[in-house]
């Protein structure tokens, strides 16, 4: 499978989807002008992963901020992970949030309530 590595900017998160090194992560800020154009390749990659021989993925979200439009696409990613989990793959989510950021902590809690996938919330010092 191809590796996706996208350098983060002020408006878009850094993305690493790397099967060889087992790194699957979104980090930074997410407020791209065109959320579909940014997130569609990620969703396509996850679809390819779901149909591949690979069985295990721990997906890390380490976002400092995301806008409303991004929240829908983040949910789409989580729903895709849930679909893979229900199909028998070993899928888990790690939601990292600055320990002093209640909004990001609550966002993780809300996502954890929506999707049925092992979900760990991990505070970190900013």
N, C-alpha and C. Protein backbone atom coordinates (compact mmCIF):
# COMPACT_ATOMS: atom_id res chain seq x y z
N UNK A 1 0.84 -1.20 0.00
CA UNK A 1 0.00 0.00 0.00
C UNK A 1 0.87 1.24 0.00
N UNK A 2 0.39 2.25 -0.69
CA UNK A 2 1.11 3.52 -0.72
C UNK A 2 1.11 4.17 0.65
N UNK A 3 2.16 4.93 0.91
CA UNK A 3 2.25 5.71 2.14
C UNK A 3 1.71 7.11 1.84
N UNK A 4 0.89 7.62 2.74
CA UNK A 4 0.46 9.01 2.64
C UNK A 4 1.17 9.78 3.73
N UNK A 5 1.92 10.81 3.33
CA UNK A 5 2.55 11.72 4.28
C UNK A 5 2.25 13.14 3.81
N UNK A 6 1.52 13.86 4.63
CA UNK A 6 1.17 15.25 4.29
C UNK A 6 1.71 16.13 5.40
N UNK A 7 2.51 17.10 5.00
CA UNK A 7 3.05 18.05 5.97
C UNK A 7 1.94 18.96 6.46
N UNK A 8 1.85 19.17 7.76
CA UNK A 8 0.84 20.04 8.32
C UNK A 8 1.11 21.51 8.01
N UNK A 9 0.04 22.29 7.94
CA UNK A 9 0.14 23.74 7.76
C UNK A 9 -0.68 24.40 8.87
N UNK A 10 -0.83 25.72 8.80
CA UNK A 10 -1.68 26.41 9.77
C UNK A 10 -3.13 25.98 9.64
N UNK A 11 -3.53 25.51 8.45
CA UNK A 11 -4.93 25.18 8.18
C UNK A 11 -5.20 23.69 8.00
N UNK A 12 -4.17 22.89 7.83
CA UNK A 12 -4.38 21.46 7.57
C UNK A 12 -3.49 20.63 8.49
N UNK A 13 -4.01 19.49 8.93
CA UNK A 13 -3.22 18.64 9.82
C UNK A 13 -2.14 17.88 9.08
N UNK A 14 -1.12 17.50 9.84
CA UNK A 14 -0.14 16.56 9.31
C UNK A 14 -0.80 15.19 9.28
N UNK A 15 -0.53 14.43 8.24
CA UNK A 15 -1.14 13.11 8.09
C UNK A 15 -0.03 12.12 7.79
N UNK A 16 -0.04 11.00 8.50
CA UNK A 16 0.85 9.89 8.18
C UNK A 16 0.01 8.62 8.18
N UNK A 17 -0.02 7.96 7.04
CA UNK A 17 -0.67 6.66 6.90
C UNK A 17 0.38 5.73 6.30
N UNK A 18 1.01 4.95 7.17
CA UNK A 18 2.19 4.17 6.79
C UNK A 18 2.05 2.76 7.35
N UNK A 19 1.66 1.82 6.50
CA UNK A 19 1.45 0.44 6.93
C UNK A 19 2.76 -0.20 7.37
N UNK A 20 3.84 0.04 6.62
CA UNK A 20 5.12 -0.60 6.91
C UNK A 20 5.58 -0.32 8.34
N UNK A 21 5.46 0.94 8.78
CA UNK A 21 5.92 1.34 10.10
C UNK A 21 4.79 1.41 11.13
N UNK A 22 3.59 1.02 10.71
CA UNK A 22 2.41 1.01 11.57
C UNK A 22 2.16 2.37 12.23
N UNK A 23 2.23 3.43 11.41
CA UNK A 23 1.93 4.78 11.88
C UNK A 23 0.70 5.27 11.13
N UNK A 24 -0.32 5.60 11.91
CA UNK A 24 -1.58 6.10 11.35
C UNK A 24 -2.00 7.27 12.22
N UNK A 25 -1.76 8.51 11.74
CA UNK A 25 -1.98 9.64 12.62
C UNK A 25 -2.37 10.91 11.87
N UNK A 26 -3.26 11.66 12.53
CA UNK A 26 -3.60 13.03 12.13
C UNK A 26 -3.18 13.92 13.29
N UNK A 27 -2.48 15.01 13.01
CA UNK A 27 -2.06 15.90 14.09
C UNK A 27 -2.02 17.34 13.61
N UNK A 28 -2.27 18.23 14.54
CA UNK A 28 -2.21 19.66 14.24
C UNK A 28 -3.57 20.31 14.22
N UNK A 29 -3.76 21.22 13.26
CA UNK A 29 -4.99 21.97 13.14
C UNK A 29 -5.71 21.58 11.85
N UNK A 30 -7.05 21.48 11.93
CA UNK A 30 -7.81 21.10 10.74
C UNK A 30 -8.91 22.11 10.46
N UNK A 31 -8.62 23.00 9.52
CA UNK A 31 -9.62 23.91 9.00
C UNK A 31 -9.34 24.21 7.53
N UNK A 32 -9.24 23.13 6.73
CA UNK A 32 -8.95 23.33 5.30
C UNK A 32 -10.12 24.03 4.60
N UNK A 33 -9.80 24.79 3.56
CA UNK A 33 -10.85 25.48 2.81
C UNK A 33 -11.82 24.48 2.20
N UNK A 34 -11.28 23.40 1.63
CA UNK A 34 -12.10 22.37 1.00
C UNK A 34 -11.86 21.05 1.74
N UNK A 35 -12.72 20.78 2.74
CA UNK A 35 -12.50 19.58 3.57
C UNK A 35 -12.59 18.31 2.75
N UNK A 36 -13.49 18.29 1.78
CA UNK A 36 -13.63 17.10 0.93
C UNK A 36 -12.35 16.80 0.19
N UNK A 37 -11.77 17.82 -0.44
CA UNK A 37 -10.54 17.61 -1.21
C UNK A 37 -9.40 17.15 -0.31
N UNK A 38 -9.38 17.65 0.93
CA UNK A 38 -8.30 17.25 1.84
C UNK A 38 -8.51 15.83 2.37
N UNK A 39 -9.73 15.52 2.81
CA UNK A 39 -9.97 14.25 3.49
C UNK A 39 -10.33 13.08 2.57
N UNK A 40 -10.80 13.34 1.36
CA UNK A 40 -11.17 12.23 0.47
C UNK A 40 -10.03 11.24 0.23
N UNK A 41 -8.79 11.70 -0.02
CA UNK A 41 -7.71 10.71 -0.21
C UNK A 41 -7.46 9.86 1.03
N UNK A 42 -7.69 10.43 2.21
CA UNK A 42 -7.51 9.68 3.46
C UNK A 42 -8.58 8.60 3.56
N UNK A 43 -9.82 8.98 3.28
CA UNK A 43 -10.92 8.01 3.31
C UNK A 43 -10.72 6.92 2.26
N UNK A 44 -10.23 7.30 1.07
CA UNK A 44 -9.95 6.31 0.02
C UNK A 44 -8.86 5.34 0.49
N UNK A 45 -7.82 5.88 1.14
CA UNK A 45 -6.73 5.04 1.64
C UNK A 45 -7.27 4.06 2.69
N UNK A 46 -8.13 4.54 3.58
CA UNK A 46 -8.71 3.66 4.60
C UNK A 46 -9.57 2.57 3.96
N UNK A 47 -10.26 2.91 2.88
CA UNK A 47 -11.04 1.90 2.16
C UNK A 47 -10.11 0.83 1.60
N UNK A 48 -8.98 1.26 1.01
CA UNK A 48 -8.01 0.30 0.50
C UNK A 48 -7.46 -0.58 1.63
N UNK A 49 -7.19 0.04 2.77
CA UNK A 49 -6.70 -0.73 3.93
C UNK A 49 -7.73 -1.77 4.35
N UNK A 50 -8.99 -1.38 4.34
CA UNK A 50 -10.05 -2.29 4.78
C UNK A 50 -10.13 -3.53 3.90
N UNK A 51 -9.74 -3.39 2.63
CA UNK A 51 -9.79 -4.50 1.69
C UNK A 51 -8.46 -5.23 1.58
N UNK A 52 -7.47 -4.78 2.36
CA UNK A 52 -6.12 -5.36 2.25
C UNK A 52 -5.94 -6.52 3.21
N UNK A 53 -4.76 -7.14 3.13
CA UNK A 53 -4.41 -8.26 4.00
C UNK A 53 -4.08 -7.80 5.41
N UNK A 54 -3.83 -6.51 5.58
CA UNK A 54 -3.41 -5.99 6.88
C UNK A 54 -4.57 -6.07 7.87
N UNK A 55 -4.24 -6.45 9.11
CA UNK A 55 -5.28 -6.73 10.09
C UNK A 55 -5.34 -5.74 11.24
N UNK A 56 -4.28 -4.96 11.45
CA UNK A 56 -4.18 -4.19 12.69
C UNK A 56 -3.88 -2.72 12.40
N UNK A 57 -4.56 -1.83 13.16
CA UNK A 57 -4.32 -0.40 13.04
C UNK A 57 -4.68 0.29 14.35
N UNK A 58 -3.76 1.10 14.85
CA UNK A 58 -4.06 2.01 15.95
C UNK A 58 -3.97 3.41 15.37
N UNK A 59 -5.12 4.08 15.28
CA UNK A 59 -5.18 5.39 14.63
C UNK A 59 -5.11 6.47 15.70
N UNK A 60 -4.13 7.35 15.57
CA UNK A 60 -3.94 8.44 16.53
C UNK A 60 -4.46 9.77 16.01
N UNK A 61 -5.25 10.41 16.83
CA UNK A 61 -5.69 11.78 16.56
C UNK A 61 -5.03 12.67 17.60
N UNK A 62 -4.24 13.64 17.14
CA UNK A 62 -3.58 14.57 18.06
C UNK A 62 -3.82 15.97 17.53
N UNK A 63 -5.06 16.38 17.60
CA UNK A 63 -5.45 17.66 17.00
C UNK A 63 -5.52 18.75 18.06
N UNK A 64 -5.02 19.91 17.68
CA UNK A 64 -5.09 21.07 18.56
C UNK A 64 -6.41 21.81 18.38
N UNK A 65 -6.92 21.74 17.15
CA UNK A 65 -8.16 22.45 16.82
C UNK A 65 -8.72 21.88 15.54
N UNK A 66 -10.06 21.82 15.44
CA UNK A 66 -10.69 21.51 14.16
C UNK A 66 -12.00 22.27 14.08
N UNK A 67 -12.36 22.65 12.85
CA UNK A 67 -13.60 23.40 12.65
C UNK A 67 -14.77 22.45 12.43
N UNK A 68 -15.95 23.02 12.32
CA UNK A 68 -17.17 22.22 12.19
C UNK A 68 -17.14 21.33 10.95
N UNK A 69 -16.68 21.88 9.84
CA UNK A 69 -16.62 21.09 8.61
C UNK A 69 -15.69 19.88 8.78
N UNK A 70 -14.57 20.09 9.46
CA UNK A 70 -13.63 18.99 9.70
C UNK A 70 -14.23 17.94 10.63
N UNK A 71 -15.07 18.37 11.58
CA UNK A 71 -15.62 17.41 12.54
C UNK A 71 -16.43 16.32 11.84
N UNK A 72 -17.13 16.67 10.78
CA UNK A 72 -17.90 15.69 10.01
C UNK A 72 -16.97 14.68 9.34
N UNK A 73 -15.87 15.16 8.78
CA UNK A 73 -14.94 14.25 8.11
C UNK A 73 -14.18 13.40 9.11
N UNK A 74 -13.90 13.94 10.29
CA UNK A 74 -13.28 13.13 11.34
C UNK A 74 -14.22 12.00 11.74
N UNK A 75 -15.51 12.32 11.83
CA UNK A 75 -16.49 11.27 12.13
C UNK A 75 -16.52 10.23 11.02
N UNK A 76 -16.42 10.68 9.76
CA UNK A 76 -16.39 9.72 8.65
C UNK A 76 -15.20 8.76 8.79
N UNK A 77 -14.05 9.29 9.20
CA UNK A 77 -12.87 8.44 9.42
C UNK A 77 -13.16 7.44 10.53
N UNK A 78 -13.72 7.92 11.63
CA UNK A 78 -14.02 7.04 12.75
C UNK A 78 -15.05 5.98 12.38
N UNK A 79 -16.04 6.35 11.59
CA UNK A 79 -17.04 5.37 11.15
C UNK A 79 -16.41 4.31 10.25
N UNK A 80 -15.45 4.72 9.43
CA UNK A 80 -14.73 3.75 8.59
C UNK A 80 -13.92 2.80 9.47
N UNK A 81 -13.28 3.34 10.51
CA UNK A 81 -12.53 2.50 11.43
C UNK A 81 -13.47 1.52 12.14
N UNK A 82 -14.65 1.99 12.53
CA UNK A 82 -15.64 1.13 13.17
C UNK A 82 -16.07 0.01 12.23
N UNK A 83 -16.28 0.35 10.97
CA UNK A 83 -16.66 -0.65 9.97
C UNK A 83 -15.60 -1.75 9.87
N UNK A 84 -14.33 -1.34 9.86
CA UNK A 84 -13.23 -2.31 9.78
C UNK A 84 -13.19 -3.16 11.05
N UNK A 85 -13.40 -2.53 12.20
CA UNK A 85 -13.41 -3.24 13.48
C UNK A 85 -14.50 -4.30 13.49
N UNK A 86 -15.68 -3.92 13.02
CA UNK A 86 -16.81 -4.85 12.99
C UNK A 86 -16.58 -5.98 12.00
N UNK A 87 -15.73 -5.73 10.99
CA UNK A 87 -15.42 -6.76 10.00
C UNK A 87 -14.30 -7.69 10.49
N UNK A 88 -13.78 -7.44 11.70
CA UNK A 88 -12.81 -8.36 12.28
C UNK A 88 -11.38 -7.88 12.34
N UNK A 89 -11.11 -6.67 11.87
CA UNK A 89 -9.74 -6.16 11.98
C UNK A 89 -9.50 -5.65 13.40
N UNK A 90 -8.24 -5.66 13.82
CA UNK A 90 -7.87 -5.14 15.13
C UNK A 90 -7.67 -3.63 15.01
N UNK A 91 -8.70 -2.88 15.33
CA UNK A 91 -8.68 -1.43 15.18
C UNK A 91 -8.83 -0.79 16.55
N UNK A 92 -8.02 0.23 16.81
CA UNK A 92 -8.21 1.02 18.02
C UNK A 92 -7.88 2.48 17.70
N UNK A 93 -8.39 3.35 18.58
CA UNK A 93 -8.21 4.79 18.40
C UNK A 93 -7.54 5.35 19.65
N UNK A 94 -6.58 6.22 19.43
CA UNK A 94 -5.98 6.99 20.53
C UNK A 94 -6.26 8.46 20.24
N UNK A 95 -6.97 9.09 21.17
CA UNK A 95 -7.34 10.50 21.04
C UNK A 95 -6.49 11.29 22.03
N UNK A 96 -5.49 11.99 21.50
CA UNK A 96 -4.60 12.79 22.34
C UNK A 96 -5.16 14.20 22.43
N UNK A 97 -5.12 14.78 23.62
CA UNK A 97 -5.60 16.16 23.78
C UNK A 97 -4.75 16.86 24.83
N UNK A 98 -4.51 18.17 24.63
CA UNK A 98 -3.78 18.92 25.66
C UNK A 98 -4.55 18.83 26.98
N UNK A 99 -3.84 18.53 28.07
CA UNK A 99 -4.53 18.27 29.34
C UNK A 99 -5.34 19.45 29.83
N UNK A 100 -5.07 20.65 29.34
CA UNK A 100 -5.83 21.82 29.78
C UNK A 100 -6.90 22.25 28.76
N UNK A 101 -7.18 21.40 27.79
CA UNK A 101 -8.14 21.75 26.73
C UNK A 101 -9.40 20.89 26.87
N UNK A 102 -10.37 21.42 27.60
CA UNK A 102 -11.61 20.68 27.84
C UNK A 102 -12.39 20.43 26.55
N UNK A 103 -12.34 21.37 25.61
CA UNK A 103 -13.08 21.20 24.36
C UNK A 103 -12.58 19.99 23.58
N UNK A 104 -11.27 19.83 23.48
CA UNK A 104 -10.73 18.68 22.73
C UNK A 104 -10.97 17.37 23.50
N UNK A 105 -10.94 17.45 24.81
CA UNK A 105 -11.24 16.25 25.61
C UNK A 105 -12.70 15.83 25.39
N UNK A 106 -13.61 16.82 25.44
CA UNK A 106 -15.04 16.53 25.24
C UNK A 106 -15.32 16.03 23.83
N UNK A 107 -14.61 16.59 22.84
CA UNK A 107 -14.79 16.12 21.47
C UNK A 107 -14.44 14.63 21.38
N UNK A 108 -13.35 14.24 22.01
CA UNK A 108 -12.96 12.83 22.02
C UNK A 108 -14.02 11.97 22.70
N UNK A 109 -14.57 12.47 23.81
CA UNK A 109 -15.61 11.72 24.53
C UNK A 109 -16.84 11.53 23.64
N UNK A 110 -17.21 12.60 22.93
CA UNK A 110 -18.39 12.51 22.05
C UNK A 110 -18.16 11.51 20.93
N UNK A 111 -16.98 11.55 20.31
CA UNK A 111 -16.68 10.58 19.26
C UNK A 111 -16.67 9.16 19.82
N UNK A 112 -16.10 8.99 21.01
CA UNK A 112 -16.03 7.66 21.62
C UNK A 112 -17.43 7.10 21.87
N UNK A 113 -18.38 7.99 22.18
CA UNK A 113 -19.76 7.55 22.40
C UNK A 113 -20.45 7.14 21.10
N UNK A 114 -20.03 7.73 19.99
CA UNK A 114 -20.69 7.48 18.71
C UNK A 114 -20.23 6.16 18.08
N UNK A 115 -18.92 5.91 18.13
CA UNK A 115 -18.39 4.74 17.42
C UNK A 115 -18.08 3.60 18.39
N UNK A 116 -18.30 2.40 17.90
CA UNK A 116 -18.04 1.20 18.69
C UNK A 116 -16.69 0.63 18.26
N UNK A 117 -15.64 1.20 18.84
CA UNK A 117 -14.28 0.78 18.54
C UNK A 117 -13.46 1.07 19.80
N UNK A 118 -12.48 0.25 20.15
CA UNK A 118 -11.67 0.56 21.33
C UNK A 118 -11.09 1.98 21.20
N UNK A 119 -11.32 2.81 22.21
CA UNK A 119 -11.06 4.24 22.13
C UNK A 119 -10.40 4.69 23.42
N UNK A 120 -9.17 5.18 23.30
CA UNK A 120 -8.43 5.62 24.48
C UNK A 120 -8.18 7.12 24.39
N UNK A 121 -8.48 7.82 25.47
CA UNK A 121 -8.21 9.26 25.52
C UNK A 121 -6.95 9.50 26.34
N UNK A 122 -6.02 10.26 25.77
CA UNK A 122 -4.72 10.42 26.39
C UNK A 122 -4.38 11.91 26.50
N UNK A 123 -4.37 12.44 27.74
CA UNK A 123 -3.97 13.84 27.90
C UNK A 123 -2.45 13.97 27.77
N UNK A 124 -2.02 15.11 27.28
CA UNK A 124 -0.58 15.40 27.22
C UNK A 124 -0.35 16.84 27.61
N UNK A 125 0.87 17.13 28.08
CA UNK A 125 1.21 18.51 28.42
C UNK A 125 1.48 19.27 27.15
N UNK A 126 0.86 20.43 27.07
CA UNK A 126 0.98 21.25 25.86
C UNK A 126 2.33 21.94 25.81
